[in-house]
Amino acid sequence: MKAALAVAASLLAGCSAQGGGGSSSGTGSSSAGTSSSGSGTTGSGAGGSSTGAGTSGGGSTGRADAGPDGGRPDGGRDGGAGDGGRCGATGEYGLCIADANCACPFVCNPDDPIFGFSGAPGSVCERACATSADCPELYTSCQHGYCAYDLCDVTRTSLGLPPNGWAGGVCDAADAGDGTCVVLSSGWAACEQAGSSTQACDAGALRGSPSALCVPGSLCVSGACRPSCDPLDGGACPVAEGCAALDPSLTFLDYGACFPDAGGCLAAIASNELAPCSATAGCACLDGGAAVACVLDPSIGPSLNPYGGSAYCERTCAASTDCPLPTTVCAAGRCTDDFCGTAPGGRDAGGGWDGHCDAEGVGDGTCLPMKTATADPAYGLCSQGGSATVGCVPGAGRTAPGSLCSAGFVCIGVPDGGNGCLAACDPGVADSCAGGSCVGASQPGASGDLGSCQ
């Protein structure tokens, strides 16, 4: 369910980063904790969590600290200004062949398993280190002389490495039991350095600021430390609080945090509208006090709900104009998924992948293919088109047509750093761009049938 939310939101928001998540801090707050909503741009969908870089690769032996450069000469790099041309332009976690490709102070790590491509070791630019204290990012540790992602849960064990904690629980960061296993926006789980705070926190803090970091086993969400919980069984939340799922890919079903119960909805969490819900996995309160509830939706059915039911977080409506998510439609008084192409249930808005579909009118939407853990594509969502033809606004809702791309186009990042409307296309279909190049979406979990004409 939330995989589709995250994927379509990422596409419409212009996310085109490659190689494994860049350098976002990825705590329960800034990545997993707030991305279940889809930013008001998408609908539902269960899904696996493919990553931009893949998870296959060589055989790292874990978190052993091994000296500043693993015994390799530094090639005369001086790590700063006046490098005489010895440093390249590739930033942290960008692909490289040699140290000279990397911007200072980063060097080229020739074998980081998480960045493996097609079964081969990945070479990426990373910070050199002697101990984990040299690695400022919370989710990294010093491994063989490089500050690399300190993996946990199945992201780690799938590489044949010994376990290091489970999502939401305590793990070993720089020392034993001093970290929390969090789910990053890339879909990976990493052991994040914990601190001493039980109240306020800063998702952008670095390892050297323990007072701004939550204690082990607690997640930083929207600037506050929240106890972790298991949405599958409700966890052990304090009195008058409820458990909300935080992983947008639904790979980590037991990853959640406790939030105040505001009388039928959970406060202080970003909207998780159209997320699957249950008696133990609650719905966030919507902005503006809009009515939302965990309700049975036979139009969607159980196929997109990993909790074994047919209940989803939905708002009330009288018409589709009351549904701000562009991929929803008003049916039976609730804003529900507006399916297209292949539909698991409910209304079919018609259209084929990346083509026009019927949103509020005829041919006024774009049919976005969605991927699940078992099928690609599994179904489509008809996203309401607007009037924008060049610039667009990521995350725009149905009430801002001037910020939404016209039907048949998607809003993605462009080279100048802004966002533009490009024609949607299917990379698997010849001449999908009428002679141009159709480039597939690079977001984690994106369908292989989703692309844009470049």
Protein backbone atom coordinates (compact mmCIF):
# COMPACT_ATOMS: atom_id res chain seq x y z
CA MET A 1 0.00 0.00 0.00
CA LYS A 2 2.45 2.63 1.14
CA ALA A 3 4.97 1.56 -1.50
CA ALA A 4 2.76 3.09 -4.17
CA LEU A 5 2.29 6.16 -2.02
CA ALA A 6 6.03 6.66 -1.77
CA VAL A 7 6.82 5.76 -5.39
CA ALA A 8 4.28 8.01 -7.09
CA ALA A 9 4.99 10.81 -4.63
CA SER A 10 8.70 10.53 -5.38
CA LEU A 11 8.08 10.64 -9.12
CA LEU A 12 5.76 13.61 -8.92
CA ALA A 13 8.13 15.33 -6.51
CA GLY A 14 11.00 15.03 -8.95
CA CYS A 15 13.14 12.62 -6.98
CA SER A 16 15.78 11.35 -9.36
CA ALA A 17 18.69 10.61 -7.05
CA GLN A 18 20.57 7.42 -7.86
CA GLY A 19 23.01 5.17 -6.15
CA GLY A 20 21.48 4.53 -2.77
CA GLY A 21 19.87 7.36 -0.99
CA GLY A 22 22.50 10.05 -1.12
CA SER A 23 23.15 11.58 2.22
CA SER A 24 19.73 12.00 3.79
CA SER A 25 19.83 11.34 7.49
CA GLY A 26 17.03 8.81 7.25
CA THR A 27 15.82 8.60 10.82
CA GLY A 28 12.32 7.62 11.75
CA SER A 29 11.51 11.28 11.38
CA SER A 30 12.80 12.52 8.09
CA SER A 31 12.48 9.39 6.02
CA ALA A 32 10.38 6.50 7.13
CA GLY A 33 8.40 8.32 9.73
CA THR A 34 6.74 10.78 7.46
CA SER A 35 6.58 9.24 4.04
CA SER A 36 3.55 7.00 4.41
CA SER A 37 1.26 9.78 3.33
CA GLY A 38 2.38 10.15 -0.26
CA SER A 39 2.55 13.93 0.21
CA GLY A 40 -0.96 14.35 -1.15
CA THR A 41 -0.03 12.99 -4.54
CA THR A 42 -0.71 9.28 -4.72
CA GLY A 43 -2.86 6.40 -3.70
CA SER A 44 -2.23 3.00 -2.25
CA GLY A 45 -0.29 -0.12 -2.95
CA ALA A 46 1.58 -2.88 -1.18
CA GLY A 47 5.08 -3.31 -2.31
CA GLY A 48 8.57 -4.52 -2.07
CA SER A 49 11.43 -2.14 -1.59
CA SER A 50 13.83 -2.22 -4.48
CA THR A 51 16.58 0.34 -4.07
CA GLY A 52 18.25 2.65 -6.52
CA ALA A 53 21.46 0.70 -6.21
CA GLY A 54 20.31 -2.81 -5.50
CA THR A 55 21.32 -4.99 -2.61
CA SER A 56 23.43 -7.66 -4.23
CA GLY A 57 27.14 -7.65 -3.98
CA GLY A 58 30.31 -8.83 -2.35
CA GLY A 59 31.15 -10.03 1.10
CA SER A 60 31.83 -7.31 3.61
CA THR A 61 32.55 -8.76 7.01
CA GLY A 62 30.65 -6.15 8.97
CA ARG A 63 31.71 -3.18 11.04
CA ALA A 64 35.36 -3.82 11.72
CA ASP A 65 37.33 -0.56 12.00
CA ALA A 66 40.37 -0.91 9.85
CA GLY A 67 42.46 2.22 9.55
CA PRO A 68 41.96 5.43 7.60
CA ASP A 69 42.38 4.07 4.10
CA GLY A 70 42.61 0.29 4.39
CA GLY A 71 46.30 0.46 3.61
CA ARG A 72 45.81 2.09 0.23
CA PRO A 73 47.93 5.08 -0.76
CA ASP A 74 45.97 8.30 -1.06
CA GLY A 75 47.53 9.32 -4.33
CA GLY A 76 48.68 12.67 -2.95
CA ARG A 77 45.18 13.96 -2.27
CA ASP A 78 45.20 16.84 0.15
CA GLY A 79 41.50 16.67 1.08
CA GLY A 80 40.70 20.32 0.54
CA ALA A 81 41.09 23.46 -1.49
CA GLY A 82 44.18 23.77 -3.63
CA ASP A 83 44.10 20.10 -4.58
CA GLY A 84 45.82 20.76 -7.88
CA GLY A 85 43.08 18.94 -9.80
CA ARG A 86 43.52 15.69 -7.90
CA CYS A 87 39.90 15.64 -6.66
CA GLY A 88 36.90 14.93 -8.83
CA ALA A 89 33.31 16.16 -8.70
CA THR A 90 31.49 13.03 -7.51
CA GLY A 91 29.96 13.45 -4.06
CA GLU A 92 29.40 10.96 -1.25
CA TYR A 93 27.88 7.64 -2.42
CA GLY A 94 28.30 8.57 -6.08
CA LEU A 95 29.82 5.98 -8.41
CA CYS A 96 33.58 6.01 -8.96
CA ILE A 97 36.45 4.07 -10.47
CA ALA A 98 39.35 5.70 -8.61
CA ASP A 99 39.94 8.21 -5.83
CA ALA A 100 40.45 10.95 -8.42
CA ASN A 101 36.77 10.67 -9.37
CA CYS A 102 35.62 11.69 -5.88
CA ALA A 103 35.22 15.17 -4.51
CA CYS A 104 37.45 15.85 -1.52
CA PRO A 105 37.51 14.61 1.18
CA PHE A 106 35.87 11.43 -0.16
CA VAL A 107 37.76 8.46 -1.59
CA CYS A 108 36.67 5.54 -3.75
CA ASN A 109 35.58 2.44 -1.83
CA PRO A 110 36.03 -0.44 -4.32
CA ASP A 111 33.80 -2.93 -2.50
CA ASP A 112 30.70 -1.84 -0.63
CA PRO A 113 28.15 -4.70 -0.86
CA ILE A 114 25.05 -2.54 -0.60
CA PHE A 115 26.06 -0.72 -3.78
CA GLY A 116 26.58 -3.92 -5.80
CA PHE A 117 25.29 -3.86 -9.37
CA SER A 118 24.34 -7.06 -11.21
CA GLY A 119 26.11 -9.12 -8.58
CA ALA A 120 29.39 -7.17 -8.90
CA PRO A 121 30.95 -5.14 -6.08
CA GLY A 122 30.06 -1.48 -6.14
CA SER A 123 32.65 1.29 -6.15
CA VAL A 124 31.33 4.45 -4.48
CA CYS A 125 32.78 7.62 -3.01
CA GLU A 126 32.86 7.51 0.79
CA ARG A 127 34.61 9.23 3.67
CA ALA A 128 37.86 7.69 4.93
CA CYS A 129 37.97 6.82 8.64
CA ALA A 130 39.96 5.22 11.42
CA THR A 131 37.03 4.67 13.81
CA SER A 132 33.26 5.22 13.68
CA ALA A 133 33.78 8.51 15.54
CA ASP A 134 35.23 9.80 12.25
CA CYS A 135 31.87 9.18 10.52
CA PRO A 136 29.54 12.16 11.14
CA GLU A 137 26.41 10.67 9.55
CA LEU A 138 24.34 8.84 12.15
CA TYR A 139 23.61 5.80 10.01
CA THR A 140 27.23 5.03 9.04
CA SER A 141 30.11 3.26 10.77
CA CYS A 142 33.77 2.78 9.94
CA GLN A 143 34.08 -0.39 7.88
CA HIS A 144 37.47 -1.34 6.43
CA GLY A 145 38.55 2.30 6.44
CA TYR A 146 35.38 3.77 4.94
CA CYS A 147 32.29 5.40 6.43
CA ALA A 148 29.63 3.07 5.02
CA TYR A 149 25.96 2.43 5.75
CA ASP A 150 25.72 0.45 9.00
CA LEU A 151 22.98 -1.96 7.94
CA CYS A 152 20.50 -3.77 10.18
CA ASP A 153 17.46 -6.05 9.97
CA VAL A 154 16.97 -7.96 6.70
CA THR A 155 18.90 -5.35 4.70
CA ARG A 156 21.97 -6.68 6.50
CA THR A 157 21.16 -10.38 6.81
CA SER A 158 20.18 -10.58 3.11
CA LEU A 159 23.85 -9.88 2.34
CA GLY A 160 24.93 -12.84 4.44
CA LEU A 161 26.08 -10.66 7.35
CA PRO A 162 25.32 -11.47 11.00
CA PRO A 163 22.24 -9.75 12.49
CA ASN A 164 22.52 -6.28 14.00
CA GLY A 165 19.10 -5.52 15.45
CA TRP A 166 15.62 -5.30 13.97
CA ALA A 167 13.56 -2.35 12.70
CA GLY A 168 12.64 -0.02 15.55
CA GLY A 169 14.79 -1.90 18.05
CA VAL A 170 18.21 -1.44 19.59
CA CYS A 171 21.32 -2.19 17.52
CA ASP A 172 25.10 -1.72 17.76
CA ALA A 173 26.30 1.55 16.22
CA ALA A 174 29.69 2.83 17.46
CA ASP A 175 29.35 0.59 20.53
CA ALA A 176 27.15 -2.22 21.83
CA GLY A 177 23.47 -1.27 22.14
CA ASP A 178 23.99 2.43 21.37
CA GLY A 179 21.90 2.65 18.20
CA THR A 180 18.39 2.28 16.81
CA CYS A 181 17.56 0.32 13.66
CA VAL A 182 15.67 2.76 11.40
CA VAL A 183 14.20 2.42 7.91
CA LEU A 184 15.65 4.94 5.45
CA SER A 185 13.83 6.57 2.56
CA SER A 186 15.86 4.36 0.22
CA GLY A 187 14.07 1.31 1.63
CA TRP A 188 17.14 0.09 3.52
CA ALA A 189 17.32 -0.46 7.26
CA ALA A 190 20.38 1.04 8.96
CA CYS A 191 21.65 1.26 12.52
CA GLU A 192 21.51 4.91 13.49
CA GLN A 193 23.60 6.34 16.30
CA ALA A 194 21.40 7.07 19.33
CA GLY A 195 21.89 9.76 21.99
CA SER A 196 20.53 10.87 25.35
CA SER A 197 17.27 12.70 24.59
CA THR A 198 13.80 11.45 25.52
CA GLN A 199 11.99 14.62 24.41
CA ALA A 200 13.13 16.92 21.58
CA CYS A 201 15.41 15.74 18.78
CA ASP A 202 16.96 16.96 15.56
CA ALA A 203 16.74 14.66 12.53
CA GLY A 204 19.61 16.58 10.92
CA ALA A 205 22.00 16.26 13.87
CA LEU A 206 25.33 14.52 13.48
CA ARG A 207 27.07 11.94 15.61
CA GLY A 208 28.80 14.57 17.74
CA SER A 209 25.52 15.93 19.16
CA PRO A 210 24.18 13.24 21.52
CA SER A 211 21.79 15.62 23.30
CA ALA A 212 19.92 16.11 20.00
CA LEU A 213 19.58 12.37 19.41
CA CYS A 214 16.93 10.06 20.86
CA VAL A 215 17.83 7.26 23.26
CA PRO A 216 18.22 3.75 21.77
CA GLY A 217 14.92 2.22 20.71
CA SER A 218 13.21 5.59 20.25
CA LEU A 219 12.52 7.26 16.87
CA CYS A 220 12.85 10.95 16.03
CA VAL A 221 9.62 12.01 14.30
CA SER A 222 8.84 15.65 13.55
CA GLY A 223 11.32 16.86 16.16
CA ALA A 224 10.12 14.63 19.00
CA CYS A 225 11.38 11.30 20.35
CA ARG A 226 8.67 8.66 19.97
CA PRO A 227 8.75 5.14 21.44
CA SER A 228 8.97 2.52 18.73
CA CYS A 229 6.16 -0.04 18.44
CA ASP A 230 5.00 -2.97 16.34
CA PRO A 231 1.97 -2.07 14.15
CA LEU A 232 1.22 -5.76 13.73
CA ASP A 233 0.26 -6.18 17.38
CA GLY A 234 -0.04 -2.59 18.63
CA GLY A 235 3.22 -2.72 20.51
CA ALA A 236 3.53 -1.32 24.01
CA CYS A 237 2.53 2.31 23.57
CA PRO A 238 1.95 4.58 26.59
CA VAL A 239 -1.59 5.24 27.80
CA ALA A 240 -3.68 7.38 25.41
CA GLU A 241 -1.31 6.70 22.49
CA GLY A 242 -1.58 4.47 19.44
CA CYS A 243 0.80 2.76 17.03
CA ALA A 244 1.28 3.94 13.46
CA ALA A 245 3.27 2.16 10.75
CA LEU A 246 6.24 4.13 9.44
CA ASP A 247 7.78 2.15 6.59
CA PRO A 248 6.58 3.45 3.19
CA SER A 249 7.60 0.23 1.40
CA LEU A 250 5.87 -2.12 3.87
CA THR A 251 8.93 -4.35 3.81
CA PHE A 252 9.27 -3.74 7.56
CA LEU A 253 5.73 -4.36 8.78
CA ASP A 254 6.80 -4.29 12.41
CA TYR A 255 8.30 -0.78 12.17
CA GLY A 256 6.20 1.90 13.84
CA ALA A 257 6.05 4.57 16.52
CA CYS A 258 3.59 5.67 19.19
CA PHE A 259 1.57 8.89 18.76
CA PRO A 260 -1.07 10.68 20.86
CA ASP A 261 -4.63 9.47 20.30
CA ALA A 262 -6.71 12.52 19.42
CA GLY A 263 -10.01 10.70 19.55
CA GLY A 264 -10.10 8.39 16.56
CA CYS A 265 -6.91 9.53 14.87
CA LEU A 266 -3.23 9.84 15.77
CA ALA A 267 -1.74 13.32 16.12
CA ALA A 268 1.83 14.49 15.43
CA ILE A 269 2.38 12.17 12.47
CA ALA A 270 2.30 13.15 8.81
CA SER A 271 -0.82 12.09 6.92
CA ASN A 272 -0.95 8.41 6.02
CA GLU A 273 -4.15 8.74 4.04
CA LEU A 274 -5.03 5.56 2.14
CA ALA A 275 -2.47 3.55 4.07
CA PRO A 276 -3.71 0.11 5.14
CA CYS A 277 -4.82 0.04 8.76
CA SER A 278 -6.11 -2.33 11.40
CA ALA A 279 -7.09 -2.45 15.04
CA THR A 280 -3.40 -2.03 15.89
CA ALA A 281 -2.21 0.21 13.02
CA GLY A 282 -3.85 3.64 13.27
CA CYS A 283 -4.56 6.58 10.97
CA ALA A 284 -3.06 10.05 11.24
CA CYS A 285 -5.21 13.11 11.84
CA LEU A 286 -5.56 15.07 8.62
CA ASP A 287 -4.73 18.75 8.21
CA GLY A 288 -7.67 21.08 8.63
CA GLY A 289 -9.55 18.64 10.81
CA ALA A 290 -10.91 16.62 7.89
CA ALA A 291 -12.68 13.47 9.04
CA VAL A 292 -10.57 10.36 8.59
CA ALA A 293 -11.12 6.84 9.83
CA CYS A 294 -9.93 3.28 9.39
CA VAL A 295 -12.80 1.93 7.28
CA LEU A 296 -13.53 -1.18 5.24
CA ASP A 297 -13.14 -0.50 1.53
CA PRO A 298 -14.43 -3.33 -0.67
CA SER A 299 -13.39 -1.34 -3.75
CA ILE A 300 -9.73 -1.88 -2.86
CA GLY A 301 -10.25 -5.17 -1.06
CA PRO A 302 -7.66 -7.16 0.92
CA SER A 303 -5.05 -7.54 -1.84
CA LEU A 304 -3.26 -4.30 -0.89
CA ASN A 305 -3.51 -4.71 2.88
CA PRO A 306 -0.71 -6.66 4.59
CA TYR A 307 -2.63 -6.72 7.87
CA GLY A 308 -5.04 -9.30 6.50
CA GLY A 309 -8.11 -7.08 6.13
CA SER A 310 -9.74 -4.60 3.76
CA ALA A 311 -9.47 -1.47 5.91
CA TYR A 312 -7.76 1.75 4.85
CA CYS A 313 -7.32 5.28 6.21
CA GLU A 314 -9.83 7.34 4.25
CA ARG A 315 -11.49 10.76 4.47
CA THR A 316 -15.16 11.56 3.85
CA CYS A 317 -16.29 13.28 0.65
CA ALA A 318 -19.32 14.35 -1.37
CA ALA A 319 -17.49 14.68 -4.70
CA SER A 320 -14.02 13.98 -6.10
CA THR A 321 -13.19 17.67 -5.64
CA ASP A 322 -13.23 16.92 -1.90
CA CYS A 323 -10.35 14.45 -2.41
CA PRO A 324 -7.05 16.36 -2.48
CA LEU A 325 -4.91 13.36 -3.49
CA PRO A 326 -4.81 13.49 -7.31
CA THR A 327 -4.97 9.67 -7.51
CA THR A 328 -8.22 9.34 -5.58
CA VAL A 329 -11.91 9.48 -6.42
CA CYS A 330 -15.00 9.92 -4.26
CA ALA A 331 -16.92 6.65 -4.01
CA ALA A 332 -19.54 5.69 -1.43
CA GLY A 333 -18.75 8.86 0.51
CA ARG A 334 -15.02 8.11 0.89
CA CYS A 335 -11.91 9.17 -1.03
CA THR A 336 -10.58 5.91 -2.45
CA ASP A 337 -8.06 4.81 -5.07
CA ASP A 338 -8.91 5.75 -8.66
CA PHE A 339 -7.68 2.65 -10.47
CA CYS A 340 -6.73 2.46 -14.14
CA GLY A 341 -5.12 -0.05 -16.45
CA THR A 342 -5.33 -3.16 -14.28
CA ALA A 343 -7.46 -2.67 -11.16
CA PRO A 344 -7.65 -4.99 -8.13
CA GLY A 345 -11.17 -3.69 -7.51
CA GLY A 346 -13.43 -0.66 -7.64
CA ARG A 347 -13.85 1.79 -10.48
CA ASP A 348 -11.59 1.46 -13.50
CA ALA A 349 -10.71 4.85 -14.96
CA GLY A 350 -9.58 3.19 -18.17
CA GLY A 351 -6.37 3.86 -20.06
CA GLY A 352 -3.07 2.03 -20.36
CA TRP A 353 0.22 2.50 -18.53
CA ASP A 354 1.55 6.06 -18.80
CA GLY A 355 -1.37 7.07 -21.02
CA HIS A 356 -4.49 9.15 -20.53
CA CYS A 357 -7.25 8.03 -18.17
CA ASP A 358 -10.52 9.44 -16.86
CA ALA A 359 -10.07 11.28 -13.53
CA GLU A 360 -12.84 13.84 -12.99
CA GLY A 361 -13.60 14.08 -16.70
CA VAL A 362 -12.65 12.24 -19.89
CA GLY A 363 -8.96 11.73 -20.59
CA ASP A 364 -7.97 14.28 -17.96
CA GLY A 365 -5.58 12.07 -15.99
CA THR A 366 -2.37 10.04 -16.35
CA CYS A 367 -2.38 6.31 -15.63
CA LEU A 368 0.59 5.54 -13.36
CA PRO A 369 1.62 1.85 -13.16
CA MET A 370 2.20 0.58 -9.62
CA LYS A 371 4.41 -2.22 -8.37
CA THR A 372 3.82 -4.61 -5.47
CA ALA A 373 6.00 -7.27 -3.89
CA THR A 374 4.51 -9.92 -6.15
CA ALA A 375 3.76 -8.18 -9.44
CA ASP A 376 5.06 -5.39 -11.67
CA PRO A 377 2.93 -3.68 -12.63
CA ALA A 378 0.17 -4.87 -10.33
CA TYR A 379 -2.34 -2.11 -11.02
CA GLY A 380 -2.53 1.52 -12.04
CA LEU A 381 -3.66 4.76 -10.42
CA CYS A 382 -5.25 7.55 -12.45
CA SER A 383 -3.57 10.81 -11.41
CA GLN A 384 -5.60 13.98 -12.01
CA GLY A 385 -4.02 16.21 -14.65
CA GLY A 386 -3.77 19.98 -14.36
CA SER A 387 -2.83 22.90 -16.58
CA ALA A 388 0.95 23.09 -16.07
CA THR A 389 2.99 22.41 -19.19
CA VAL A 390 6.51 23.45 -18.15
CA GLY A 391 7.07 24.09 -14.45
CA CYS A 392 5.19 22.12 -11.80
CA VAL A 393 5.02 21.86 -8.02
CA PRO A 394 5.93 18.56 -6.36
CA GLY A 395 3.22 17.34 -4.02
CA ALA A 396 0.54 19.63 -5.43
CA GLY A 397 -3.03 18.56 -4.80
CA ARG A 398 -6.14 18.49 -6.91
CA THR A 399 -7.11 21.98 -5.72
CA ALA A 400 -4.02 23.50 -7.40
CA PRO A 401 -4.46 22.60 -11.08
CA GLY A 402 -1.92 25.20 -12.16
CA SER A 403 0.76 23.25 -10.31
CA LEU A 404 -0.21 19.85 -11.74
CA CYS A 405 1.13 18.66 -15.09
CA SER A 406 -1.41 18.21 -17.85
CA ALA A 407 -2.73 14.74 -18.63
CA GLY A 408 -0.12 12.39 -20.07
CA PHE A 409 2.77 14.17 -18.33
CA VAL A 410 4.61 13.64 -15.03
CA CYS A 411 6.36 16.15 -12.76
CA ILE A 412 10.02 15.20 -12.30
CA GLY A 413 13.35 16.85 -11.51
CA VAL A 414 15.20 18.57 -14.34
CA PRO A 415 18.95 19.27 -14.70
CA ASP A 416 18.71 22.90 -13.60
CA GLY A 417 17.47 21.79 -10.20
CA GLY A 418 13.82 22.64 -10.71
CA ASN A 419 10.88 20.47 -11.66
CA GLY A 420 9.32 20.13 -15.06
CA CYS A 421 6.54 18.33 -16.89
CA LEU A 422 7.79 15.53 -19.13
CA ALA A 423 5.69 13.16 -21.19
CA ALA A 424 5.01 9.87 -19.43
CA CYS A 425 6.18 6.75 -21.25
CA ASP A 426 6.72 3.01 -20.88
CA PRO A 427 10.42 2.02 -21.14
CA GLY A 428 9.36 -1.47 -22.23
CA VAL A 429 7.42 -0.26 -25.25
CA ALA A 430 9.28 0.55 -28.47
CA ASP A 431 8.84 4.11 -29.73
CA SER A 432 7.04 5.03 -26.51
CA CYS A 433 8.42 8.54 -27.01
CA ALA A 434 7.88 8.78 -30.77
CA GLY A 435 11.57 8.46 -31.56
CA GLY A 436 12.85 10.00 -28.34
CA SER A 437 14.40 8.27 -25.33
CA CYS A 438 12.14 6.86 -22.61
CA VAL A 439 14.00 6.80 -19.29
CA GLY A 440 12.64 4.61 -16.50
CA ALA A 441 11.95 6.01 -13.05
CA SER A 442 14.88 5.49 -10.67
CA GLN A 443 12.97 5.76 -7.40
CA PRO A 444 13.06 2.82 -4.97
CA GLY A 445 10.06 0.59 -5.60
CA ALA A 446 9.11 2.24 -8.91
CA SER A 447 7.44 0.12 -11.55
CA GLY A 448 9.59 -0.84 -14.51
CA ASP A 449 6.75 0.36 -16.74
CA LEU A 450 6.95 3.93 -15.46
CA GLY A 451 9.16 6.42 -17.29
CA SER A 452 9.44 9.84 -18.89
CA CYS A 453 10.51 11.07 -22.31
CA GLN A 454 13.88 12.80 -22.12
